[in-house]
């Protein structure tokens, strides 16, 4: 295991930190947004919006119910249901995310309640006993399966659930240079005002293993209201893939890459920070 840390004095502490999060059950299982799910929908970055019509476009090339894995609070599913008038089967592991999703269905999207079914299942091991023409894993969510064997199991399940003529679409990020300059860096994702409340979300780069190819960062939400400040945090762990890595995995499972892009505007994959794949059997 390769540990990167700006301060050698902190090496032992951070090594213990990573194992504390690993010991929660599932290997590297801090990805359930237990503390920060309530603030997930505050994210207003373009990258959180630019994928929506992309997924609608490919939905319109298929028919029948849609399967979405790692559906979170329903950001993509609700948009798809509205735009395509199709039903969706949504799989999500995080109970905190599911509660937010269900609340939105009961309040703001009552008209979609009969179109969306939410399943509390591990996306690396599921069986719905039906096939779909359209399966998606939006917003880097495959990477929350932080060990490659988990991702492979997930992709095997997808293959079994995909019709012979179906489309499977997913997106992952292009890895950066994970060196000492990356570790410890804090970046603000958004800073917005909601009534009397100010919500600031940042990520703090915490850990990297360049042998097993995963990174860990602190998802940090600062809430400022009535001159009081509260901070809630979750540790998130993501497996990263170089282009050749993900191609190897897809080929090993008999997926065929029909299209590949570097962003949702369909720029060449070599020109984008994202890697988007449209796959068939």
C-alpha atoms as a PDB file:
ATOM      1  CA  UNK A   1       0.000   0.000   0.000  1.00  0.00           C
ATOM      2  CA  UNK A   2       1.448   3.333  -0.993  1.00  0.00           C
ATOM      3  CA  UNK A   3       0.656   6.195   1.359  1.00  0.00           C
ATOM      4  CA  UNK A   4       1.134   9.803   0.325  1.00  0.00           C
ATOM      5  CA  UNK A   5       1.178  12.503   2.968  1.00  0.00           C
ATOM      6  CA  UNK A   6       2.732  15.929   3.095  1.00  0.00           C
ATOM      7  CA  UNK A   7       3.766  15.394   6.704  1.00  0.00           C
ATOM      8  CA  UNK A   8       5.643  12.256   7.704  1.00  0.00           C
ATOM      9  CA  UNK A   9       4.591  12.898  11.296  1.00  0.00           C
ATOM     10  CA  UNK A  10       0.962  12.352  10.256  1.00  0.00           C
ATOM     11  CA  UNK A  11       1.604   9.154   8.314  1.00  0.00           C
ATOM     12  CA  UNK A  12       0.707   6.794  11.151  1.00  0.00           C
ATOM     13  CA  UNK A  13      -2.436   8.762  12.067  1.00  0.00           C
ATOM     14  CA  UNK A  14      -3.763   8.791   8.513  1.00  0.00           C
ATOM     15  CA  UNK A  15      -2.919   5.106   8.091  1.00  0.00           C
ATOM     16  CA  UNK A  16      -5.086   4.414  11.153  1.00  0.00           C
ATOM     17  CA  UNK A  17      -7.815   6.722   9.821  1.00  0.00           C
ATOM     18  CA  UNK A  18      -8.154   4.816   6.566  1.00  0.00           C
ATOM     19  CA  UNK A  19      -8.479   1.513   8.409  1.00  0.00           C
ATOM     20  CA  UNK A  20     -11.069   3.000  10.729  1.00  0.00           C
ATOM     21  CA  UNK A  21     -13.230   3.727   7.699  1.00  0.00           C
ATOM     22  CA  UNK A  22     -12.449   0.359   6.146  1.00  0.00           C
ATOM     23  CA  UNK A  23     -13.615  -1.468   9.248  1.00  0.00           C
ATOM     24  CA  UNK A  24     -17.207  -0.243   8.950  1.00  0.00           C
ATOM     25  CA  UNK A  25     -18.245  -3.399   7.096  1.00  0.00           C
ATOM     26  CA  UNK A  26     -17.946  -3.346   3.349  1.00  0.00           C
ATOM     27  CA  UNK A  27     -14.369  -2.628   2.325  1.00  0.00           C
ATOM     28  CA  UNK A  28     -13.953   1.122   2.025  1.00  0.00           C
ATOM     29  CA  UNK A  29     -17.614   1.585   2.888  1.00  0.00           C
ATOM     30  CA  UNK A  30     -17.725   5.236   3.847  1.00  0.00           C
ATOM     31  CA  UNK A  31     -19.704   6.048   0.707  1.00  0.00           C
ATOM     32  CA  UNK A  32     -23.195   6.053   2.181  1.00  0.00           C
ATOM     33  CA  UNK A  33     -23.501   9.808   2.814  1.00  0.00           C
ATOM     34  CA  UNK A  34     -24.776   9.103   6.340  1.00  0.00           C
ATOM     35  CA  UNK A  35     -24.089  12.652   7.512  1.00  0.00           C
ATOM     36  CA  UNK A  36     -24.251  14.733   4.324  1.00  0.00           C
ATOM     37  CA  UNK A  37     -27.161  13.329   2.273  1.00  0.00           C
ATOM     38  CA  UNK A  38     -29.424  16.191   3.383  1.00  0.00           C
ATOM     39  CA  UNK A  39     -27.178  18.617   1.492  1.00  0.00           C
ATOM     40  CA  UNK A  40     -26.562  16.554  -1.642  1.00  0.00           C
ATOM     41  CA  UNK A  41     -29.173  18.388  -3.708  1.00  0.00           C
ATOM     42  CA  UNK A  42     -27.638  21.794  -3.013  1.00  0.00           C
ATOM     43  CA  UNK A  43     -24.944  21.049  -5.571  1.00  0.00           C
ATOM     44  CA  UNK A  44     -25.540  23.491  -8.449  1.00  0.00           C
ATOM     45  CA  UNK A  45     -22.430  22.928 -10.543  1.00  0.00           C
ATOM     46  CA  UNK A  46     -22.853  22.609 -14.311  1.00  0.00           C
ATOM     47  CA  UNK A  47     -21.457  19.081 -14.290  1.00  0.00           C
ATOM     48  CA  UNK A  48     -24.399  18.036 -12.110  1.00  0.00           C
ATOM     49  CA  UNK A  49     -26.809  19.369 -14.742  1.00  0.00           C
ATOM     50  CA  UNK A  50     -25.058  18.710 -18.048  1.00  0.00           C
ATOM     51  CA  UNK A  51     -25.608  14.962 -17.961  1.00  0.00           C
ATOM     52  CA  UNK A  52     -29.398  15.068 -17.689  1.00  0.00           C
ATOM     53  CA  UNK A  53     -30.322  15.590 -21.348  1.00  0.00           C
ATOM     54  CA  UNK A  54     -27.516  13.233 -22.366  1.00  0.00           C
ATOM     55  CA  UNK A  55     -29.208  10.393 -20.481  1.00  0.00           C
ATOM     56  CA  UNK A  56     -32.582  11.385 -21.927  1.00  0.00           C
ATOM     57  CA  UNK A  57     -31.146  11.272 -25.454  1.00  0.00           C
ATOM     58  CA  UNK A  58     -30.053   7.666 -25.071  1.00  0.00           C
ATOM     59  CA  UNK A  59     -33.235   6.725 -23.255  1.00  0.00           C
ATOM     60  CA  UNK A  60     -35.107   7.825 -26.358  1.00  0.00           C
ATOM     61  CA  UNK A  61     -33.148   5.272 -28.403  1.00  0.00           C
ATOM     62  CA  UNK A  62     -34.665   2.483 -26.305  1.00  0.00           C
ATOM     63  CA  UNK A  63     -38.022   1.314 -24.975  1.00  0.00           C
ATOM     64  CA  UNK A  64     -39.453  -0.047 -21.783  1.00  0.00           C
ATOM     65  CA  UNK A  65     -38.513   0.424 -18.137  1.00  0.00           C
ATOM     66  CA  UNK A  66     -35.149   1.966 -17.276  1.00  0.00           C
ATOM     67  CA  UNK A  67     -32.722   0.600 -14.707  1.00  0.00           C
ATOM     68  CA  UNK A  68     -30.597   3.116 -12.811  1.00  0.00           C
ATOM     69  CA  UNK A  69     -27.876   2.022 -10.413  1.00  0.00           C
ATOM     70  CA  UNK A  70     -26.709   4.242  -7.536  1.00  0.00           C
ATOM     71  CA  UNK A  71     -29.705   6.528  -7.947  1.00  0.00           C
ATOM     72  CA  UNK A  72     -28.911   8.673  -4.891  1.00  0.00           C
ATOM     73  CA  UNK A  73     -31.616  11.220  -4.148  1.00  0.00           C
ATOM     74  CA  UNK A  74     -33.224  10.770  -7.576  1.00  0.00           C
ATOM     75  CA  UNK A  75     -31.509  13.605  -9.425  1.00  0.00           C
ATOM     76  CA  UNK A  76     -31.351  11.720 -12.733  1.00  0.00           C
ATOM     77  CA  UNK A  77     -34.266   9.345 -12.229  1.00  0.00           C
ATOM     78  CA  UNK A  78     -36.819  12.071 -11.596  1.00  0.00           C
ATOM     79  CA  UNK A  79     -35.673  13.987 -14.680  1.00  0.00           C
ATOM     80  CA  UNK A  80     -35.810  10.858 -16.843  1.00  0.00           C
ATOM     81  CA  UNK A  81     -39.263   9.942 -15.604  1.00  0.00           C
ATOM     82  CA  UNK A  82     -40.541  13.440 -16.397  1.00  0.00           C
ATOM     83  CA  UNK A  83     -38.980  13.672 -19.843  1.00  0.00           C
ATOM     84  CA  UNK A  84     -39.530  10.134 -21.123  1.00  0.00           C
ATOM     85  CA  UNK A  85     -42.756   9.178 -19.286  1.00  0.00           C
ATOM     86  CA  UNK A  86     -41.097   5.792 -18.672  1.00  0.00           C
ATOM     87  CA  UNK A  87     -40.949   3.805 -15.457  1.00  0.00           C
ATOM     88  CA  UNK A  88     -37.684   3.322 -13.604  1.00  0.00           C
ATOM     89  CA  UNK A  89     -36.224   0.721 -11.286  1.00  0.00           C
ATOM     90  CA  UNK A  90     -33.698   2.491  -9.048  1.00  0.00           C
ATOM     91  CA  UNK A  91     -31.072   0.739  -6.944  1.00  0.00           C
ATOM     92  CA  UNK A  92     -29.380   2.553  -4.064  1.00  0.00           C
ATOM     93  CA  UNK A  93     -27.433   1.354  -1.007  1.00  0.00           C
ATOM     94  CA  UNK A  94     -27.477   4.494   1.120  1.00  0.00           C
ATOM     95  CA  UNK A  95     -30.502   4.634   3.403  1.00  0.00           C
ATOM     96  CA  UNK A  96     -29.894   8.364   3.879  1.00  0.00           C
ATOM     97  CA  UNK A  97     -30.082   8.929   0.135  1.00  0.00           C
ATOM     98  CA  UNK A  98     -33.176   6.749  -0.191  1.00  0.00           C
ATOM     99  CA  UNK A  99     -34.972   8.751   2.491  1.00  0.00           C
ATOM    100  CA  UNK A 100     -34.295  11.969   0.552  1.00  0.00           C
ATOM    101  CA  UNK A 101     -35.441  10.342  -2.688  1.00  0.00           C
ATOM    102  CA  UNK A 102     -38.651   9.034  -1.105  1.00  0.00           C
ATOM    103  CA  UNK A 103     -39.359  12.411   0.494  1.00  0.00           C
ATOM    104  CA  UNK A 104     -39.113  14.136  -2.889  1.00  0.00           C
ATOM    105  CA  UNK A 105     -41.489  11.587  -4.405  1.00  0.00           C
ATOM    106  CA  UNK A 106     -44.021  12.143  -1.645  1.00  0.00           C
ATOM    107  CA  UNK A 107     -43.848  15.934  -1.794  1.00  0.00           C
ATOM    108  CA  UNK A 108     -42.552  17.551  -4.998  1.00  0.00           C
ATOM    109  CA  UNK A 109     -43.025  14.645  -7.423  1.00  0.00           C
ATOM    110  CA  UNK A 110     -46.252  12.958  -6.372  1.00  0.00           C
ATOM    111  CA  UNK A 111     -47.169  12.422 -10.029  1.00  0.00           C
ATOM    112  CA  UNK A 112     -44.128  10.163 -10.469  1.00  0.00           C
ATOM    113  CA  UNK A 113     -44.702   7.840  -7.512  1.00  0.00           C
ATOM    114  CA  UNK A 114     -46.257   5.152  -9.686  1.00  0.00           C
ATOM    115  CA  UNK A 115     -43.370   5.326 -12.179  1.00  0.00           C
ATOM    116  CA  UNK A 116     -40.402   4.869  -9.826  1.00  0.00           C
ATOM    117  CA  UNK A 117     -39.502   1.874  -7.692  1.00  0.00           C
ATOM    118  CA  UNK A 118     -36.580   2.219  -5.287  1.00  0.00           C
ATOM    119  CA  UNK A 119     -34.637  -0.862  -4.214  1.00  0.00           C
ATOM    120  CA  UNK A 120     -32.299  -0.854  -1.228  1.00  0.00           C
ATOM    121  CA  UNK A 121     -29.747  -3.272  -2.665  1.00  0.00           C
ATOM    122  CA  UNK A 122     -25.985  -3.499  -3.092  1.00  0.00           C
ATOM    123  CA  UNK A 123     -25.318  -2.580  -6.731  1.00  0.00           C
ATOM    124  CA  UNK A 124     -22.486  -5.128  -6.838  1.00  0.00           C
ATOM    125  CA  UNK A 125     -24.913  -7.970  -6.157  1.00  0.00           C
ATOM    126  CA  UNK A 126     -28.483  -7.582  -7.388  1.00  0.00           C
ATOM    127  CA  UNK A 127     -31.107  -9.611  -9.216  1.00  0.00           C
ATOM    128  CA  UNK A 128     -34.397  -8.080 -10.382  1.00  0.00           C
ATOM    129  CA  UNK A 129     -35.438 -11.046 -12.558  1.00  0.00           C
ATOM    130  CA  UNK A 130     -36.067  -8.896 -15.620  1.00  0.00           C
ATOM    131  CA  UNK A 131     -34.109  -7.398 -18.494  1.00  0.00           C
ATOM    132  CA  UNK A 132     -33.854  -3.769 -19.592  1.00  0.00           C
ATOM    133  CA  UNK A 133     -33.101  -2.019 -22.868  1.00  0.00           C
ATOM    134  CA  UNK A 134     -31.532   0.875 -20.996  1.00  0.00           C
ATOM    135  CA  UNK A 135     -29.275   0.711 -17.926  1.00  0.00           C
ATOM    136  CA  UNK A 136     -27.315   3.640 -16.515  1.00  0.00           C
ATOM    137  CA  UNK A 137     -24.840   4.414 -13.748  1.00  0.00           C
ATOM    138  CA  UNK A 138     -24.637   8.228 -13.701  1.00  0.00           C
ATOM    139  CA  UNK A 139     -22.084  10.547 -12.127  1.00  0.00           C
ATOM    140  CA  UNK A 140     -19.038   8.383 -11.440  1.00  0.00           C
ATOM    141  CA  UNK A 141     -21.043   6.088  -9.193  1.00  0.00           C
ATOM    142  CA  UNK A 142     -19.399   2.897 -10.439  1.00  0.00           C
ATOM    143  CA  UNK A 143     -16.246   4.253  -8.795  1.00  0.00           C
ATOM    144  CA  UNK A 144     -17.843   4.175  -5.359  1.00  0.00           C
ATOM    145  CA  UNK A 145     -17.279   0.430  -5.601  1.00  0.00           C
ATOM    146  CA  UNK A 146     -13.758   0.966  -4.429  1.00  0.00           C
ATOM    147  CA  UNK A 147     -12.402  -2.491  -5.144  1.00  0.00           C
ATOM    148  CA  UNK A 148     -12.218  -3.735  -8.717  1.00  0.00           C
ATOM    149  CA  UNK A 149     -13.793  -7.084  -7.855  1.00  0.00           C
ATOM    150  CA  UNK A 150     -16.901  -5.230  -6.633  1.00  0.00           C
ATOM    151  CA  UNK A 151     -17.086  -3.239  -9.875  1.00  0.00           C
ATOM    152  CA  UNK A 152     -16.680  -6.417 -11.910  1.00  0.00           C
ATOM    153  CA  UNK A 153     -19.504  -8.086  -9.978  1.00  0.00           C
ATOM    154  CA  UNK A 154     -21.686  -5.034 -10.616  1.00  0.00           C
ATOM    155  CA  UNK A 155     -20.921  -5.113 -14.336  1.00  0.00           C
ATOM    156  CA  UNK A 156     -21.691  -8.837 -14.470  1.00  0.00           C
ATOM    157  CA  UNK A 157     -25.104  -8.134 -12.954  1.00  0.00           C
ATOM    158  CA  UNK A 158     -25.671  -5.387 -15.512  1.00  0.00           C
ATOM    159  CA  UNK A 159     -24.751  -7.716 -18.362  1.00  0.00           C
ATOM    160  CA  UNK A 160     -27.298 -10.258 -17.115  1.00  0.00           C
ATOM    161  CA  UNK A 161     -30.015  -7.595 -16.915  1.00  0.00           C
ATOM    162  CA  UNK A 162     -29.302  -5.994 -20.317  1.00  0.00           C
ATOM    163  CA  UNK A 163     -31.283  -7.107 -23.346  1.00  0.00           C
ATOM    164  CA  UNK A 164     -29.354  -8.271 -26.395  1.00  0.00           C
ATOM    165  CA  UNK A 165     -30.018  -4.958 -28.147  1.00  0.00           C
ATOM    166  CA  UNK A 166     -29.885  -2.790 -25.018  1.00  0.00           C
ATOM    167  CA  UNK A 167     -27.665   0.164 -24.080  1.00  0.00           C
ATOM    168  CA  UNK A 168     -25.589   0.512 -20.933  1.00  0.00           C
ATOM    169  CA  UNK A 169     -24.256   4.030 -20.255  1.00  0.00           C
ATOM    170  CA  UNK A 170     -21.917   5.108 -17.470  1.00  0.00           C
ATOM    171  CA  UNK A 171     -19.381   7.793 -16.670  1.00  0.00           C
ATOM    172  CA  UNK A 172     -16.162   7.917 -14.661  1.00  0.00           C
ATOM    173  CA  UNK A 173     -13.603  10.654 -14.103  1.00  0.00           C
ATOM    174  CA  UNK A 174     -10.195  10.761 -15.716  1.00  0.00           C
ATOM    175  CA  UNK A 175      -7.600  10.335 -12.947  1.00  0.00           C
ATOM    176  CA  UNK A 176      -5.280  13.172 -11.965  1.00  0.00           C
ATOM    177  CA  UNK A 177      -1.684  13.091 -10.791  1.00  0.00           C
ATOM    178  CA  UNK A 178      -2.064  11.925  -7.192  1.00  0.00           C
ATOM    179  CA  UNK A 179       1.119  13.213  -5.599  1.00  0.00           C
ATOM    180  CA  UNK A 180       2.037  15.207  -2.493  1.00  0.00           C
ATOM    181  CA  UNK A 181       0.562  18.351  -4.075  1.00  0.00           C
ATOM    182  CA  UNK A 182      -2.811  16.629  -4.416  1.00  0.00           C
ATOM    183  CA  UNK A 183      -2.936  15.264  -0.888  1.00  0.00           C
ATOM    184  CA  UNK A 184      -4.376  17.637   1.705  1.00  0.00           C
ATOM    185  CA  UNK A 185      -5.711  20.089  -0.868  1.00  0.00           C
ATOM    186  CA  UNK A 186      -9.169  21.531  -0.149  1.00  0.00           C
ATOM    187  CA  UNK A 187     -11.436  22.683  -2.969  1.00  0.00           C
ATOM    188  CA  UNK A 188     -14.818  24.408  -2.653  1.00  0.00           C
ATOM    189  CA  UNK A 189     -17.482  22.781  -4.838  1.00  0.00           C
ATOM    190  CA  UNK A 190     -20.272  25.257  -4.140  1.00  0.00           C
ATOM    191  CA  UNK A 191     -21.143  28.137  -1.838  1.00  0.00           C
ATOM    192  CA  UNK A 192     -24.830  29.046  -1.900  1.00  0.00           C
ATOM    193  CA  UNK A 193     -27.397  30.875   0.197  1.00  0.00           C
ATOM    194  CA  UNK A 194     -30.740  29.250   0.987  1.00  0.00           C
ATOM    195  CA  UNK A 195     -32.933  31.734   2.872  1.00  0.00           C
ATOM    196  CA  UNK A 196     -31.093  32.560   6.097  1.00  0.00           C
ATOM    197  CA  UNK A 197     -28.733  29.627   5.650  1.00  0.00           C
ATOM    198  CA  UNK A 198     -25.411  29.540   3.824  1.00  0.00           C
ATOM    199  CA  UNK A 199     -24.163  26.124   2.680  1.00  0.00           C
ATOM    200  CA  UNK A 200     -20.551  25.586   1.623  1.00  0.00           C
ATOM    201  CA  UNK A 201     -19.405  22.241   0.315  1.00  0.00           C
ATOM    202  CA  UNK A 202     -15.720  21.411  -0.025  1.00  0.00           C
ATOM    203  CA  UNK A 203     -13.611  18.330  -0.558  1.00  0.00           C
ATOM    204  CA  UNK A 204     -10.404  17.650   1.312  1.00  0.00           C
ATOM    205  CA  UNK A 205      -8.044  15.150  -0.315  1.00  0.00           C
ATOM    206  CA  UNK A 206      -7.259  12.643   2.426  1.00  0.00           C
ATOM    207  CA  UNK A 207      -5.577   9.513   1.124  1.00  0.00           C
ATOM    208  CA  UNK A 208      -4.436   7.736  -2.024  1.00  0.00           C
ATOM    209  CA  UNK A 209      -3.305   4.217  -2.772  1.00  0.00           C
ATOM    210  CA  UNK A 210      -1.607   4.256  -6.162  1.00  0.00           C
ATOM    211  CA  UNK A 211      -1.151   0.476  -6.179  1.00  0.00           C
ATOM    212  CA  UNK A 212      -4.809  -0.433  -5.705  1.00  0.00           C
ATOM    213  CA  UNK A 213      -5.827   2.783  -7.465  1.00  0.00           C
ATOM    214  CA  UNK A 214      -8.261   4.418  -5.123  1.00  0.00           C
ATOM    215  CA  UNK A 215      -8.497   7.834  -3.555  1.00  0.00           C
ATOM    216  CA  UNK A 216     -10.250   9.010  -0.426  1.00  0.00           C
ATOM    217  CA  UNK A 217     -11.496  12.496   0.314  1.00  0.00           C
ATOM    218  CA  UNK A 218     -13.496  14.211   3.002  1.00  0.00           C
ATOM    219  CA  UNK A 219     -16.907  15.439   1.877  1.00  0.00           C
ATOM    220  CA  UNK A 220     -17.250  18.528   4.080  1.00  0.00           C
ATOM    221  CA  UNK A 221     -20.436  20.585   4.441  1.00  0.00           C
ATOM    222  CA  UNK A 222     -20.327  23.843   6.390  1.00  0.00           C
ATOM    223  CA  UNK A 223     -23.697  25.351   7.348  1.00  0.00           C
ATOM    224  CA  UNK A 224     -23.761  28.948   8.574  1.00  0.00           C
ATOM    225  CA  UNK A 225     -27.011  30.305  10.023  1.00  0.00           C
ATOM    226  CA  UNK A 226     -27.799  32.917  12.688  1.00  0.00           C
ATOM    227  CA  UNK A 227     -24.087  33.487  13.274  1.00  0.00           C
ATOM    228  CA  UNK A 228     -23.618  29.811  14.106  1.00  0.00           C
ATOM    229  CA  UNK A 229     -21.496  27.381  12.141  1.00  0.00           C
ATOM    230  CA  UNK A 230     -21.994  23.623  11.910  1.00  0.00           C
ATOM    231  CA  UNK A 231     -19.822  21.208   9.938  1.00  0.00           C
ATOM    232  CA  UNK A 232     -20.897  17.715   8.860  1.00  0.00           C
ATOM    233  CA  UNK A 233     -18.582  15.302   7.074  1.00  0.00           C
ATOM    234  CA  UNK A 234     -18.410  11.950   5.329  1.00  0.00           C
ATOM    235  CA  UNK A 235     -15.344  10.144   4.072  1.00  0.00           C
ATOM    236  CA  UNK A 236     -15.755   9.074   0.431  1.00  0.00           C
ATOM    237  CA  UNK A 237     -13.606   6.501  -1.332  1.00  0.00           C
ATOM    238  CA  UNK A 238     -13.429   6.117  -5.107  1.00  0.00           C
ATOM    239  CA  UNK A 239     -11.677   3.600  -7.308  1.00  0.00           C
ATOM    240  CA  UNK A 240     -10.009   5.320 -10.255  1.00  0.00           C
ATOM    241  CA  UNK A 241      -9.372   3.877 -13.691  1.00  0.00           C
ATOM    242  CA  UNK A 242      -7.071   4.913 -16.450  1.00  0.00           C
ATOM    243  CA  UNK A 243      -8.576   4.556 -19.903  1.00  0.00           C
ATOM    244  CA  UNK A 244      -6.805   1.265 -20.586  1.00  0.00           C
ATOM    245  CA  UNK A 245      -7.923  -0.096 -17.200  1.00  0.00           C
ATOM    246  CA  UNK A 246     -11.628   0.370 -17.820  1.00  0.00           C
ATOM    247  CA  UNK A 247     -11.349  -0.892 -21.398  1.00  0.00           C
ATOM    248  CA  UNK A 248      -9.696  -4.059 -20.072  1.00  0.00           C
ATOM    249  CA  UNK A 249     -12.522  -4.608 -17.581  1.00  0.00           C
ATOM    250  CA  UNK A 250     -15.274  -4.023 -20.149  1.00  0.00           C
ATOM    251  CA  UNK A 251     -13.633  -6.303 -22.712  1.00  0.00           C
ATOM    252  CA  UNK A 252     -13.172  -9.064 -20.130  1.00  0.00           C
ATOM    253  CA  UNK A 253     -16.942  -9.044 -19.541  1.00  0.00           C
ATOM    254  CA  UNK A 254     -17.868  -9.046 -23.259  1.00  0.00           C
ATOM    255  CA  UNK A 255     -19.190  -5.487 -23.346  1.00  0.00           C
ATOM    256  CA  UNK A 256     -18.786  -3.723 -26.666  1.00  0.00           C
ATOM    257  CA  UNK A 257     -18.087   0.019 -26.583  1.00  0.00           C
ATOM    258  CA  UNK A 258     -20.417   1.656 -29.084  1.00  0.00           C
ATOM    259  CA  UNK A 259     -19.513   5.280 -28.299  1.00  0.00           C
ATOM    260  CA  UNK A 260     -17.115   7.055 -25.955  1.00  0.00           C
ATOM    261  CA  UNK A 261     -16.850  10.726 -25.020  1.00  0.00           C
ATOM    262  CA  UNK A 262     -14.874  13.100 -22.831  1.00  0.00           C
ATOM    263  CA  UNK A 263     -17.931  15.055 -21.701  1.00  0.00           C
ATOM    264  CA  UNK A 264     -21.671  15.299 -22.224  1.00  0.00           C
ATOM    265  CA  UNK A 265     -21.207  17.642 -25.178  1.00  0.00           C
ATOM    266  CA  UNK A 266     -19.703  14.598 -26.948  1.00  0.00           C
ATOM    267  CA  UNK A 267     -16.180  15.950 -27.263  1.00  0.00           C
ATOM    268  CA  UNK A 268     -13.511  13.350 -27.991  1.00  0.00           C
ATOM    269  CA  UNK A 269     -12.701  11.216 -24.996  1.00  0.00           C
ATOM    270  CA  UNK A 270      -9.071  12.305 -25.059  1.00  0.00           C
ATOM    271  CA  UNK A 271     -10.156  15.950 -24.665  1.00  0.00           C
ATOM    272  CA  UNK A 272     -12.274  15.685 -21.527  1.00  0.00           C
ATOM    273  CA  UNK A 273     -11.853  15.231 -17.798  1.00  0.00           C
ATOM    274  CA  UNK A 274     -14.663  12.667 -17.845  1.00  0.00           C
ATOM    275  CA  UNK A 275     -14.846   9.303 -19.609  1.00  0.00           C
ATOM    276  CA  UNK A 276     -18.343   8.390 -20.795  1.00  0.00           C
ATOM    277  CA  UNK A 277     -19.096   5.012 -22.353  1.00  0.00           C
ATOM    278  CA  UNK A 278     -22.139   3.828 -24.280  1.00  0.00           C
ATOM    279  CA  UNK A 279     -21.971   0.028 -24.301  1.00  0.00           C
ATOM    280  CA  UNK A 280     -23.817  -2.913 -25.770  1.00  0.00           C
ATOM    281  CA  UNK A 281     -23.386  -6.649 -25.395  1.00  0.00           C
END
